[in-house]
C-alpha atoms as a PDB file:
ATOM      1  CA  UNK A   1     120.701-104.429  73.964  1.00  0.00           C
ATOM      2  CA  UNK A   2     119.595-107.184  71.725  1.00  0.00           C
ATOM      3  CA  UNK A   3     117.962-109.217  74.720  1.00  0.00           C
ATOM      4  CA  UNK A   4     116.395-106.375  76.525  1.00  0.00           C
ATOM      5  CA  UNK A   5     115.514-103.836  73.887  1.00  0.00           C
ATOM      6  CA  UNK A   6     115.337-105.118  70.302  1.00  0.00           C
ATOM      7  CA  UNK A   7     114.024-108.728  70.953  1.00  0.00           C
ATOM      8  CA  UNK A   8     110.873-107.353  72.946  1.00  0.00           C
ATOM      9  CA  UNK A   9     110.383-104.728  70.333  1.00  0.00           C
ATOM     10  CA  UNK A  10     110.556-106.744  67.365  1.00  0.00           C
ATOM     11  CA  UNK A  11     108.479-109.464  69.066  1.00  0.00           C
ATOM     12  CA  UNK A  12     105.811-106.931  69.751  1.00  0.00           C
ATOM     13  CA  UNK A  13     105.717-105.713  66.239  1.00  0.00           C
ATOM     14  CA  UNK A  14     105.356-109.361  65.054  1.00  0.00           C
ATOM     15  CA  UNK A  15     102.629-110.303  67.216  1.00  0.00           C
ATOM     16  CA  UNK A  16     100.610-107.459  65.867  1.00  0.00           C
ATOM     17  CA  UNK A  17     100.358-109.181  62.718  1.00  0.00           C
ATOM     18  CA  UNK A  18      98.739-112.267  64.077  1.00  0.00           C
ATOM     19  CA  UNK A  19      95.622-113.258  65.890  1.00  0.00           C
ATOM     20  CA  UNK A  20      97.003-115.139  68.674  1.00  0.00           C
ATOM     21  CA  UNK A  21      96.411-116.350  72.265  1.00  0.00           C
ATOM     22  CA  UNK A  22     100.369-116.474  72.807  1.00  0.00           C
ATOM     23  CA  UNK A  23     100.165-120.433  73.476  1.00  0.00           C
ATOM     24  CA  UNK A  24      98.870-122.340  70.484  1.00  0.00           C
ATOM     25  CA  UNK A  25      97.080-120.102  68.125  1.00  0.00           C
ATOM     26  CA  UNK A  26      99.161-118.036  65.595  1.00  0.00           C
ATOM     27  CA  UNK A  27      96.867-116.944  62.864  1.00  0.00           C
ATOM     28  CA  UNK A  28      98.538-114.702  60.415  1.00  0.00           C
ATOM     29  CA  UNK A  29      96.444-111.434  59.549  1.00  0.00           C
ATOM     30  CA  UNK A  30      99.011-109.159  58.054  1.00  0.00           C
ATOM     31  CA  UNK A  31      97.642-105.594  58.650  1.00  0.00           C
ATOM     32  CA  UNK A  32      94.184-106.676  59.563  1.00  0.00           C
ATOM     33  CA  UNK A  33      94.684-105.688  63.309  1.00  0.00           C
ATOM     34  CA  UNK A  34      96.058-102.176  62.201  1.00  0.00           C
ATOM     35  CA  UNK A  35      92.883-101.565  59.922  1.00  0.00           C
ATOM     36  CA  UNK A  36      90.610-102.676  62.641  1.00  0.00           C
ATOM     37  CA  UNK A  37      92.105-100.382  65.224  1.00  0.00           C
ATOM     38  CA  UNK A  38      92.330 -97.285  62.698  1.00  0.00           C
ATOM     39  CA  UNK A  39      88.782 -97.815  61.752  1.00  0.00           C
ATOM     40  CA  UNK A  40      87.561 -98.258  65.257  1.00  0.00           C
ATOM     41  CA  UNK A  41      85.875 -94.764  66.286  1.00  0.00           C
ATOM     42  CA  UNK A  42      86.818 -95.688  69.892  1.00  0.00           C
ATOM     43  CA  UNK A  43      90.486 -95.444  69.095  1.00  0.00           C
ATOM     44  CA  UNK A  44      90.070 -92.060  68.006  1.00  0.00           C
ATOM     45  CA  UNK A  45      88.144 -91.131  70.912  1.00  0.00           C
ATOM     46  CA  UNK A  46      90.639 -92.645  73.167  1.00  0.00           C
ATOM     47  CA  UNK A  47      93.433 -91.044  71.226  1.00  0.00           C
ATOM     48  CA  UNK A  48      91.921 -87.543  72.002  1.00  0.00           C
ATOM     49  CA  UNK A  49      91.515 -88.254  75.657  1.00  0.00           C
ATOM     50  CA  UNK A  50      95.074 -89.489  75.724  1.00  0.00           C
ATOM     51  CA  UNK A  51      96.228 -86.021  74.109  1.00  0.00           C
ATOM     52  CA  UNK A  52      94.121 -84.269  76.307  1.00  0.00           C
ATOM     53  CA  UNK A  53      95.365 -85.763  79.479  1.00  0.00           C
ATOM     54  CA  UNK A  54      98.938 -85.308  77.998  1.00  0.00           C
ATOM     55  CA  UNK A  55      98.607 -81.589  77.446  1.00  0.00           C
ATOM     56  CA  UNK A  56      97.127 -80.944  80.882  1.00  0.00           C
ATOM     57  CA  UNK A  57      99.784 -82.843  82.721  1.00  0.00           C
ATOM     58  CA  UNK A  58     102.919 -81.587  80.665  1.00  0.00           C
ATOM     59  CA  UNK A  59     101.406 -78.089  80.653  1.00  0.00           C
ATOM     60  CA  UNK A  60     100.935 -78.138  84.636  1.00  0.00           C
ATOM     61  CA  UNK A  61     104.274 -79.660  84.977  1.00  0.00           C
ATOM     62  CA  UNK A  62     105.909 -76.875  83.081  1.00  0.00           C
ATOM     63  CA  UNK A  63     104.159 -74.163  84.690  1.00  0.00           C
ATOM     64  CA  UNK A  64     104.688 -75.372  88.162  1.00  0.00           C
ATOM     65  CA  UNK A  65     108.186 -76.636  87.616  1.00  0.00           C
ATOM     66  CA  UNK A  66     109.233 -73.289  85.903  1.00  0.00           C
ATOM     67  CA  UNK A  67     107.740 -70.968  88.451  1.00  0.00           C
ATOM     68  CA  UNK A  68     109.410 -72.959  91.346  1.00  0.00           C
ATOM     69  CA  UNK A  69     112.814 -73.088  89.496  1.00  0.00           C
ATOM     70  CA  UNK A  70     112.935 -69.450  89.389  1.00  0.00           C
ATOM     71  CA  UNK A  71     111.875 -69.040  92.943  1.00  0.00           C
ATOM     72  CA  UNK A  72     114.635 -71.517  94.073  1.00  0.00           C
ATOM     73  CA  UNK A  73     117.317 -70.077  92.026  1.00  0.00           C
ATOM     74  CA  UNK A  74     116.847 -66.822  94.008  1.00  0.00           C
ATOM     75  CA  UNK A  75     118.926 -66.255  97.233  1.00  0.00           C
ATOM     76  CA  UNK A  76     116.399 -67.058  99.813  1.00  0.00           C
ATOM     77  CA  UNK A  77     116.687 -68.525 103.282  1.00  0.00           C
ATOM     78  CA  UNK A  78     116.258 -72.180 103.403  1.00  0.00           C
ATOM     79  CA  UNK A  79     116.526 -72.799  99.858  1.00  0.00           C
ATOM     80  CA  UNK A  80     118.164 -76.186 100.155  1.00  0.00           C
ATOM     81  CA  UNK A  81     115.344 -77.377 102.359  1.00  0.00           C
ATOM     82  CA  UNK A  82     112.809 -76.247  99.963  1.00  0.00           C
ATOM     83  CA  UNK A  83     114.631 -77.989  97.181  1.00  0.00           C
ATOM     84  CA  UNK A  84     114.855 -81.342  98.968  1.00  0.00           C
ATOM     85  CA  UNK A  85     111.041 -81.154  99.965  1.00  0.00           C
ATOM     86  CA  UNK A  86     109.799 -80.232  96.821  1.00  0.00           C
ATOM     87  CA  UNK A  87     111.634 -83.284  94.758  1.00  0.00           C
ATOM     88  CA  UNK A  88     109.895 -85.717  97.284  1.00  0.00           C
ATOM     89  CA  UNK A  89     106.812 -86.379  94.943  1.00  0.00           C
ATOM     90  CA  UNK A  90     109.026 -87.591  92.296  1.00  0.00           C
ATOM     91  CA  UNK A  91     110.553 -90.189  94.617  1.00  0.00           C
ATOM     92  CA  UNK A  92     107.383 -91.746  95.572  1.00  0.00           C
ATOM     93  CA  UNK A  93     106.259 -94.991  93.577  1.00  0.00           C
ATOM     94  CA  UNK A  94     103.181 -94.038  91.354  1.00  0.00           C
ATOM     95  CA  UNK A  95     101.132 -96.825  93.220  1.00  0.00           C
ATOM     96  CA  UNK A  96     101.731 -94.759  96.367  1.00  0.00           C
ATOM     97  CA  UNK A  97     100.908 -91.363  94.713  1.00  0.00           C
ATOM     98  CA  UNK A  98      97.622 -92.835  93.275  1.00  0.00           C
ATOM     99  CA  UNK A  99      96.513 -94.284  96.586  1.00  0.00           C
ATOM    100  CA  UNK A 100      97.187 -91.261  98.498  1.00  0.00           C
ATOM    101  CA  UNK A 101      95.226 -89.109  95.904  1.00  0.00           C
ATOM    102  CA  UNK A 102      92.323 -91.666  95.851  1.00  0.00           C
ATOM    103  CA  UNK A 103      92.020 -91.284  99.490  1.00  0.00           C
ATOM    104  CA  UNK A 104      92.225 -87.380  99.368  1.00  0.00           C
ATOM    105  CA  UNK A 105      89.421 -87.534  96.507  1.00  0.00           C
ATOM    106  CA  UNK A 106      87.038 -89.621  98.558  1.00  0.00           C
ATOM    107  CA  UNK A 107      83.707 -88.079  98.707  1.00  0.00           C
ATOM    108  CA  UNK A 108      82.901 -89.324 102.402  1.00  0.00           C
ATOM    109  CA  UNK A 109      86.186 -88.924 104.211  1.00  0.00           C
ATOM    110  CA  UNK A 110      88.725 -87.217 101.814  1.00  0.00           C
ATOM    111  CA  UNK A 111      90.409 -84.018 102.865  1.00  0.00           C
ATOM    112  CA  UNK A 112      89.594 -82.163  99.608  1.00  0.00           C
ATOM    113  CA  UNK A 113      85.785 -82.390 100.023  1.00  0.00           C
ATOM    114  CA  UNK A 114      86.256 -81.633 103.603  1.00  0.00           C
ATOM    115  CA  UNK A 115      87.890 -78.295 102.899  1.00  0.00           C
ATOM    116  CA  UNK A 116      85.558 -77.634 100.160  1.00  0.00           C
ATOM    117  CA  UNK A 117      82.604 -78.018 102.334  1.00  0.00           C
ATOM    118  CA  UNK A 118      84.376 -76.212 105.312  1.00  0.00           C
ATOM    119  CA  UNK A 119      84.978 -72.966 103.095  1.00  0.00           C
ATOM    120  CA  UNK A 120      81.418 -73.438 101.750  1.00  0.00           C
ATOM    121  CA  UNK A 121      82.646 -73.672  98.076  1.00  0.00           C
ATOM    122  CA  UNK A 122      80.328 -76.395  97.502  1.00  0.00           C
ATOM    123  CA  UNK A 123      77.191 -77.699  99.230  1.00  0.00           C
ATOM    124  CA  UNK A 124      77.605 -81.138  98.985  1.00  0.00           C
ATOM    125  CA  UNK A 125      80.550 -83.540  98.479  1.00  0.00           C
ATOM    126  CA  UNK A 126      81.915 -83.871  95.091  1.00  0.00           C
ATOM    127  CA  UNK A 127      82.658 -87.374  93.446  1.00  0.00           C
ATOM    128  CA  UNK A 128      85.681 -86.044  91.619  1.00  0.00           C
ATOM    129  CA  UNK A 129      86.598 -89.446  90.201  1.00  0.00           C
ATOM    130  CA  UNK A 130      83.224 -90.601  89.410  1.00  0.00           C
ATOM    131  CA  UNK A 131      82.163 -87.490  87.631  1.00  0.00           C
ATOM    132  CA  UNK A 132      82.799 -87.946  83.836  1.00  0.00           C
ATOM    133  CA  UNK A 133      83.187 -83.911  83.431  1.00  0.00           C
ATOM    134  CA  UNK A 134      85.716 -83.906  86.394  1.00  0.00           C
ATOM    135  CA  UNK A 135      87.334 -87.190  86.136  1.00  0.00           C
ATOM    136  CA  UNK A 136      90.152 -86.424  83.681  1.00  0.00           C
ATOM    137  CA  UNK A 137      91.141 -83.179  85.347  1.00  0.00           C
ATOM    138  CA  UNK A 138      90.937 -84.883  88.666  1.00  0.00           C
ATOM    139  CA  UNK A 139      93.400 -87.642  87.333  1.00  0.00           C
ATOM    140  CA  UNK A 140      95.545 -84.900  85.990  1.00  0.00           C
ATOM    141  CA  UNK A 141      96.412 -83.169  89.203  1.00  0.00           C
ATOM    142  CA  UNK A 142      98.087 -86.242  90.846  1.00  0.00           C
ATOM    143  CA  UNK A 143     100.108 -86.713  87.663  1.00  0.00           C
ATOM    144  CA  UNK A 144     101.201 -83.143  87.726  1.00  0.00           C
ATOM    145  CA  UNK A 145     102.002 -83.528  91.611  1.00  0.00           C
ATOM    146  CA  UNK A 146     104.102 -86.677  90.706  1.00  0.00           C
ATOM    147  CA  UNK A 147     105.802 -85.220  87.525  1.00  0.00           C
ATOM    148  CA  UNK A 148     106.631 -81.544  88.197  1.00  0.00           C
ATOM    149  CA  UNK A 149     109.786 -82.312  90.426  1.00  0.00           C
ATOM    150  CA  UNK A 150     111.501 -83.639  87.019  1.00  0.00           C
ATOM    151  CA  UNK A 151     110.876 -80.340  85.312  1.00  0.00           C
ATOM    152  CA  UNK A 152     111.942 -78.304  88.262  1.00  0.00           C
ATOM    153  CA  UNK A 153     115.406 -80.043  88.509  1.00  0.00           C
ATOM    154  CA  UNK A 154     116.122 -79.804  84.730  1.00  0.00           C
ATOM    155  CA  UNK A 155     115.279 -76.327  84.656  1.00  0.00           C
ATOM    156  CA  UNK A 156     117.335 -75.524  87.827  1.00  0.00           C
ATOM    157  CA  UNK A 157     120.179 -77.202  86.055  1.00  0.00           C
ATOM    158  CA  UNK A 158     119.681 -75.201  82.963  1.00  0.00           C
ATOM    159  CA  UNK A 159     119.535 -72.024  84.755  1.00  0.00           C
ATOM    160  CA  UNK A 160     123.086 -72.599  86.296  1.00  0.00           C
ATOM    161  CA  UNK A 161     124.487 -73.013  82.966  1.00  0.00           C
ATOM    162  CA  UNK A 162     123.449 -69.510  81.773  1.00  0.00           C
ATOM    163  CA  UNK A 163     126.134 -66.901  82.365  1.00  0.00           C
ATOM    164  CA  UNK A 164     125.264 -64.072  84.961  1.00  0.00           C
ATOM    165  CA  UNK A 165     127.108 -61.546  82.460  1.00  0.00           C
ATOM    166  CA  UNK A 166     124.037 -61.959  79.992  1.00  0.00           C
ATOM    167  CA  UNK A 167     121.788 -60.786  82.612  1.00  0.00           C
ATOM    168  CA  UNK A 168     123.920 -57.999  83.516  1.00  0.00           C
ATOM    169  CA  UNK A 169     124.425 -56.949  79.799  1.00  0.00           C
ATOM    170  CA  UNK A 170     120.506 -57.057  79.442  1.00  0.00           C
ATOM    171  CA  UNK A 171     119.909 -54.876  82.549  1.00  0.00           C
ATOM    172  CA  UNK A 172     122.660 -52.495  81.232  1.00  0.00           C
ATOM    173  CA  UNK A 173     120.641 -52.238  77.829  1.00  0.00           C
ATOM    174  CA  UNK A 174     117.571 -51.387  79.915  1.00  0.00           C
ATOM    175  CA  UNK A 175     115.826 -54.632  80.050  1.00  0.00           C
ATOM    176  CA  UNK A 176     113.148 -55.365  82.622  1.00  0.00           C
ATOM    177  CA  UNK A 177     112.457 -58.637  84.546  1.00  0.00           C
ATOM    178  CA  UNK A 178     110.029 -60.092  82.045  1.00  0.00           C
ATOM    179  CA  UNK A 179     112.316 -59.160  79.057  1.00  0.00           C
ATOM    180  CA  UNK A 180     115.200 -60.581  80.632  1.00  0.00           C
ATOM    181  CA  UNK A 181     113.132 -63.961  80.957  1.00  0.00           C
ATOM    182  CA  UNK A 182     112.213 -63.713  77.368  1.00  0.00           C
ATOM    183  CA  UNK A 183     115.274 -62.931  75.736  1.00  0.00           C
ATOM    184  CA  UNK A 184     118.055 -64.235  77.949  1.00  0.00           C
ATOM    185  CA  UNK A 185     116.664 -67.075  80.078  1.00  0.00           C
ATOM    186  CA  UNK A 186     114.336 -68.737  77.674  1.00  0.00           C
ATOM    187  CA  UNK A 187     116.594 -69.094  74.779  1.00  0.00           C
ATOM    188  CA  UNK A 188     119.544 -70.139  77.097  1.00  0.00           C
ATOM    189  CA  UNK A 189     117.123 -72.970  78.443  1.00  0.00           C
ATOM    190  CA  UNK A 190     116.027 -73.989  75.075  1.00  0.00           C
ATOM    191  CA  UNK A 191     118.107 -77.198  74.819  1.00  0.00           C
ATOM    192  CA  UNK A 192     117.156 -78.185  78.246  1.00  0.00           C
ATOM    193  CA  UNK A 193     113.520 -77.455  77.612  1.00  0.00           C
ATOM    194  CA  UNK A 194     113.249 -79.323  74.290  1.00  0.00           C
ATOM    195  CA  UNK A 195     114.782 -82.459  76.109  1.00  0.00           C
ATOM    196  CA  UNK A 196     112.411 -82.148  78.937  1.00  0.00           C
ATOM    197  CA  UNK A 197     109.304 -81.578  76.531  1.00  0.00           C
ATOM    198  CA  UNK A 198     110.208 -84.745  74.768  1.00  0.00           C
ATOM    199  CA  UNK A 199     110.591 -86.943  77.877  1.00  0.00           C
ATOM    200  CA  UNK A 200     107.547 -85.619  79.499  1.00  0.00           C
ATOM    201  CA  UNK A 201     105.387 -85.675  76.582  1.00  0.00           C
ATOM    202  CA  UNK A 202     106.179 -89.349  75.746  1.00  0.00           C
ATOM    203  CA  UNK A 203     106.087 -90.426  79.276  1.00  0.00           C
ATOM    204  CA  UNK A 204     102.611 -89.012  80.226  1.00  0.00           C
ATOM    205  CA  UNK A 205     101.216 -89.990  76.624  1.00  0.00           C
ATOM    206  CA  UNK A 206     101.903 -93.624  77.489  1.00  0.00           C
ATOM    207  CA  UNK A 207     101.149 -93.387  81.300  1.00  0.00           C
ATOM    208  CA  UNK A 208      99.099 -96.172  82.784  1.00  0.00           C
ATOM    209  CA  UNK A 209      99.528 -96.644  86.417  1.00  0.00           C
ATOM    210  CA  UNK A 210      98.054 -93.654  88.354  1.00  0.00           C
ATOM    211  CA  UNK A 211      94.851 -93.487  85.897  1.00  0.00           C
ATOM    212  CA  UNK A 212      94.114 -97.049  86.124  1.00  0.00           C
ATOM    213  CA  UNK A 213      94.433 -97.051  90.117  1.00  0.00           C
ATOM    214  CA  UNK A 214      92.279 -94.003  90.233  1.00  0.00           C
ATOM    215  CA  UNK A 215      89.394 -94.534  87.709  1.00  0.00           C
ATOM    216  CA  UNK A 216      90.412 -97.855  85.690  1.00  0.00           C
ATOM    217  CA  UNK A 217      89.484 -95.680  82.427  1.00  0.00           C
ATOM    218  CA  UNK A 218      85.996 -94.530  83.892  1.00  0.00           C
ATOM    219  CA  UNK A 219      83.640 -93.380  84.525  1.00  0.00           C
ATOM    220  CA  UNK A 220      82.024 -94.049  81.083  1.00  0.00           C
ATOM    221  CA  UNK A 221      85.406 -94.038  79.397  1.00  0.00           C
ATOM    222  CA  UNK A 222      85.966 -90.528  80.439  1.00  0.00           C
ATOM    223  CA  UNK A 223      89.651 -91.485  81.489  1.00  0.00           C
ATOM    224  CA  UNK A 224      90.245 -94.380  79.074  1.00  0.00           C
ATOM    225  CA  UNK A 225      93.395 -93.402  77.587  1.00  0.00           C
ATOM    226  CA  UNK A 226      95.330 -95.676  74.948  1.00  0.00           C
ATOM    227  CA  UNK A 227      97.568 -97.495  77.665  1.00  0.00           C
ATOM    228  CA  UNK A 228      94.438 -98.651  79.359  1.00  0.00           C
ATOM    229  CA  UNK A 229      92.761 -99.660  76.128  1.00  0.00           C
ATOM    230  CA  UNK A 230      95.850-101.796  75.388  1.00  0.00           C
ATOM    231  CA  UNK A 231      95.794-103.176  78.960  1.00  0.00           C
ATOM    232  CA  UNK A 232      92.062-104.159  78.394  1.00  0.00           C
ATOM    233  CA  UNK A 233      92.635-105.670  75.150  1.00  0.00           C
ATOM    234  CA  UNK A 234      95.473-107.969  76.048  1.00  0.00           C
ATOM    235  CA  UNK A 235      94.538-108.963  79.617  1.00  0.00           C
ATOM    236  CA  UNK A 236      90.925-108.863  79.632  1.00  0.00           C
ATOM    237  CA  UNK A 237      89.736-109.506  75.997  1.00  0.00           C
ATOM    238  CA  UNK A 238      92.776-111.678  75.271  1.00  0.00           C
ATOM    239  CA  UNK A 239      93.160-109.874  71.870  1.00  0.00           C
ATOM    240  CA  UNK A 240      96.889-109.878  72.075  1.00  0.00           C
ATOM    241  CA  UNK A 241      97.253-109.121  68.197  1.00  0.00           C
ATOM    242  CA  UNK A 242      95.243-105.994  68.255  1.00  0.00           C
ATOM    243  CA  UNK A 243      96.587-104.814  71.596  1.00  0.00           C
ATOM    244  CA  UNK A 244     100.212-104.974  70.023  1.00  0.00           C
ATOM    245  CA  UNK A 245      99.119-103.112  66.762  1.00  0.00           C
ATOM    246  CA  UNK A 246      97.760-100.476  69.038  1.00  0.00           C
ATOM    247  CA  UNK A 247     100.746-100.489  71.182  1.00  0.00           C
ATOM    248  CA  UNK A 248     103.103-100.165  67.769  1.00  0.00           C
ATOM    249  CA  UNK A 249     100.572 -97.282  66.809  1.00  0.00           C
ATOM    250  CA  UNK A 250     101.360 -95.531  70.058  1.00  0.00           C
ATOM    251  CA  UNK A 251     105.133 -96.008  69.620  1.00  0.00           C
ATOM    252  CA  UNK A 252     104.894 -94.337  66.191  1.00  0.00           C
ATOM    253  CA  UNK A 253     102.784 -91.440  67.424  1.00  0.00           C
ATOM    254  CA  UNK A 254     105.505 -90.763  70.116  1.00  0.00           C
ATOM    255  CA  UNK A 255     108.036 -90.762  67.245  1.00  0.00           C
ATOM    256  CA  UNK A 256     106.138 -88.384  65.395  1.00  0.00           C
ATOM    257  CA  UNK A 257     105.772 -86.168  68.542  1.00  0.00           C
ATOM    258  CA  UNK A 258     109.517 -86.248  69.091  1.00  0.00           C
ATOM    259  CA  UNK A 259     110.158 -85.393  65.601  1.00  0.00           C
ATOM    260  CA  UNK A 260     107.818 -82.333  65.501  1.00  0.00           C
ATOM    261  CA  UNK A 261     109.249 -81.044  68.721  1.00  0.00           C
ATOM    262  CA  UNK A 262     112.775 -81.246  67.291  1.00  0.00           C
ATOM    263  CA  UNK A 263     111.725 -79.352  64.169  1.00  0.00           C
ATOM    264  CA  UNK A 264     109.553 -76.644  65.681  1.00  0.00           C
ATOM    265  CA  UNK A 265     111.777 -76.061  68.689  1.00  0.00           C
ATOM    266  CA  UNK A 266     115.362 -76.399  67.109  1.00  0.00           C
ATOM    267  CA  UNK A 267     118.083 -74.160  67.608  1.00  0.00           C
ATOM    268  CA  UNK A 268     118.420 -72.115  64.122  1.00  0.00           C
ATOM    269  CA  UNK A 269     121.873 -70.643  65.146  1.00  0.00           C
ATOM    270  CA  UNK A 270     123.417 -74.180  65.213  1.00  0.00           C
END
């Protein structure tokens, strides 16, 4: 624990207080790096893009995962096969996911533009990753494709823990399908939903791989999330102190998000 978690975490926080090249330059700056980051308008812009990306992906994961979990909890033919197939995106490495979708998005030979043209939905191919108005949404779709199986598995596990007696009691009381979902299913899933929501939000808030491989933060910083900004500060501009300060701020934001979720979605009956 000390070697793998505590030391890197503390070391990153210490580095954020210095102007350093990690070799022979360690100029103590105290909180100057934090001040520079927080007063930089670009930080707030990238924070907004990061929040927007996180909301899109987490909402998409929960919508797709929740709907599929309900369908797969029904007694349908071939349910086990569908469960195995729908978990496959989760098993792919993120690099593979990014390369697959980069090929699908290609304006010259990508399948997405091919079918858009085939069904006459567009008159000319769309540069989905090169258009600043479409890039963030286009990057969010592969992230949703990669991430929804986790939500699917978690919700399916939660559904199995809800007693069928509760559904039968609700049906006897005259509840329809929507009322059963709202008053029986959702409360029963709340502990699972809370854990899943926290994990999903934190994971996609600090996500790097898919976005970087698809757009590298472009075009015109349309997909420049905080993780990419940290990478460029550290390994392109060699501002390791400022990059560490930004990373510490991301860590604090993730802690605040987790705390707010637990406060807003806590079970008041316990």
